[in-house]
């Protein structure tokens, strides 16, 4: 991977981490409603 590619990848990972934090906060408020959706989504998240 080129140096530029590594920097872009790092920036993406940082942005992704922020998005994940926001998603977790949203899930905590809607967890009971979307329990089955959350279960299927959790499988995808754990494979990243």
N, C-alpha and C. Protein backbone atom coordinates (compact mmCIF):
# COMPACT_ATOMS: atom_id res chain seq x y z
N UNK A 1 0.84 -1.20 0.00
CA UNK A 1 0.00 0.00 0.00
C UNK A 1 0.88 1.25 0.00
N UNK A 2 0.50 2.26 -0.76
CA UNK A 2 1.29 3.48 -0.80
C UNK A 2 1.12 4.28 0.48
N UNK A 3 2.01 5.24 0.70
CA UNK A 3 1.92 6.07 1.90
C UNK A 3 0.60 6.83 1.92
N UNK A 4 0.21 7.36 0.77
CA UNK A 4 -1.06 8.08 0.66
C UNK A 4 -2.22 7.15 0.99
N UNK A 5 -2.15 5.94 0.48
CA UNK A 5 -3.19 4.96 0.74
C UNK A 5 -3.31 4.64 2.23
N UNK A 6 -2.16 4.54 2.90
CA UNK A 6 -2.18 4.26 4.33
C UNK A 6 -2.82 5.40 5.10
N UNK A 7 -2.49 6.64 4.72
CA UNK A 7 -3.07 7.80 5.39
C UNK A 7 -4.58 7.85 5.17
N UNK A 8 -5.02 7.58 3.95
CA UNK A 8 -6.44 7.56 3.66
C UNK A 8 -7.14 6.46 4.46
N UNK A 9 -6.49 5.30 4.53
CA UNK A 9 -7.06 4.18 5.25
C UNK A 9 -7.19 4.51 6.74
N UNK A 10 -6.16 5.14 7.30
CA UNK A 10 -6.19 5.52 8.71
C UNK A 10 -7.31 6.53 8.96
N UNK A 11 -7.43 7.51 8.07
CA UNK A 11 -8.48 8.51 8.19
C UNK A 11 -9.86 7.87 8.12
N UNK A 12 -10.01 6.90 7.25
CA UNK A 12 -11.28 6.19 7.13
C UNK A 12 -11.59 5.44 8.41
N UNK A 13 -10.57 4.77 8.97
CA UNK A 13 -10.77 4.01 10.20
C UNK A 13 -11.19 4.93 11.34
N UNK A 14 -10.59 6.10 11.44
CA UNK A 14 -10.96 7.04 12.49
C UNK A 14 -12.40 7.51 12.31
N UNK A 15 -12.76 7.81 11.07
CA UNK A 15 -14.13 8.24 10.76
C UNK A 15 -15.11 7.11 11.06
N UNK A 16 -14.71 5.89 10.72
CA UNK A 16 -15.56 4.73 10.97
C UNK A 16 -15.77 4.54 12.46
N UNK A 17 -14.72 4.74 13.26
CA UNK A 17 -14.82 4.61 14.71
C UNK A 17 -15.83 5.60 15.27
N UNK A 18 -15.82 6.83 14.77
CA UNK A 18 -16.78 7.84 15.22
C UNK A 18 -18.20 7.43 14.83
N UNK A 19 -18.35 6.91 13.63
CA UNK A 19 -19.66 6.46 13.16
C UNK A 19 -20.16 5.31 14.03
N UNK A 20 -19.25 4.40 14.39
CA UNK A 20 -19.60 3.27 15.25
C UNK A 20 -20.07 3.76 16.61
N UNK A 21 -19.36 4.73 17.19
CA UNK A 21 -19.75 5.28 18.50
C UNK A 21 -21.17 5.83 18.43
N UNK A 22 -21.45 6.58 17.36
CA UNK A 22 -22.78 7.16 17.18
C UNK A 22 -23.83 6.06 17.03
N UNK A 23 -23.49 5.03 16.26
CA UNK A 23 -24.42 3.92 16.05
C UNK A 23 -24.71 3.20 17.37
N UNK A 24 -23.69 3.05 18.20
CA UNK A 24 -23.88 2.39 19.49
C UNK A 24 -24.83 3.21 20.36
N UNK A 25 -24.65 4.51 20.39
CA UNK A 25 -25.53 5.38 21.17
C UNK A 25 -26.97 5.26 20.68
N UNK A 26 -27.14 5.24 19.36
CA UNK A 26 -28.48 5.11 18.79
C UNK A 26 -29.08 3.75 19.10
N UNK A 27 -28.26 2.70 19.02
CA UNK A 27 -28.74 1.35 19.30
C UNK A 27 -29.20 1.22 20.76
N UNK A 28 -28.48 1.87 21.66
CA UNK A 28 -28.84 1.78 23.08
C UNK A 28 -30.24 2.33 23.32
N UNK A 29 -30.63 3.35 22.56
CA UNK A 29 -31.95 3.94 22.76
C UNK A 29 -33.05 3.14 22.07
N UNK A 30 -32.70 2.40 21.00
CA UNK A 30 -33.72 1.68 20.24
C UNK A 30 -33.55 0.16 20.33
N UNK A 31 -32.71 -0.28 21.27
CA UNK A 31 -32.37 -1.71 21.34
C UNK A 31 -33.58 -2.61 21.49
N UNK A 32 -34.48 -2.27 22.39
CA UNK A 32 -35.64 -3.13 22.64
C UNK A 32 -36.54 -3.25 21.41
N UNK A 33 -36.65 -2.16 20.67
CA UNK A 33 -37.52 -2.16 19.48
C UNK A 33 -36.91 -2.98 18.35
N UNK A 34 -35.58 -2.83 18.14
CA UNK A 34 -34.93 -3.44 16.98
C UNK A 34 -34.07 -4.64 17.35
N UNK A 35 -34.51 -5.40 18.32
CA UNK A 35 -33.69 -6.49 18.84
C UNK A 35 -33.27 -7.49 17.75
N UNK A 36 -34.20 -7.91 16.91
CA UNK A 36 -33.87 -8.89 15.88
C UNK A 36 -32.96 -8.30 14.81
N UNK A 37 -33.21 -7.05 14.39
CA UNK A 37 -32.35 -6.38 13.42
C UNK A 37 -30.95 -6.23 13.98
N UNK A 38 -30.86 -5.87 15.25
CA UNK A 38 -29.57 -5.66 15.90
C UNK A 38 -28.76 -6.95 15.91
N UNK A 39 -29.43 -8.07 16.11
CA UNK A 39 -28.73 -9.35 16.15
C UNK A 39 -28.09 -9.66 14.79
N UNK A 40 -28.82 -9.45 13.71
CA UNK A 40 -28.27 -9.71 12.37
C UNK A 40 -27.19 -8.69 12.01
N UNK A 41 -27.35 -7.45 12.44
CA UNK A 41 -26.34 -6.43 12.18
C UNK A 41 -25.07 -6.67 12.96
N UNK A 42 -25.20 -7.24 14.16
CA UNK A 42 -24.04 -7.51 15.00
C UNK A 42 -23.09 -8.51 14.38
N UNK A 43 -23.63 -9.45 13.63
CA UNK A 43 -22.79 -10.46 12.97
C UNK A 43 -21.87 -9.77 11.96
N UNK A 44 -22.43 -8.85 11.19
CA UNK A 44 -21.64 -8.13 10.18
C UNK A 44 -20.56 -7.30 10.87
N UNK A 45 -20.92 -6.58 11.92
CA UNK A 45 -19.97 -5.71 12.61
C UNK A 45 -18.81 -6.49 13.19
N UNK A 46 -19.07 -7.68 13.70
CA UNK A 46 -18.00 -8.47 14.32
C UNK A 46 -17.02 -9.03 13.30
N UNK A 47 -17.41 -9.07 12.04
CA UNK A 47 -16.53 -9.61 11.00
C UNK A 47 -15.62 -8.56 10.39
N UNK A 48 -15.83 -7.29 10.69
CA UNK A 48 -15.03 -6.20 10.11
C UNK A 48 -13.63 -6.22 10.71
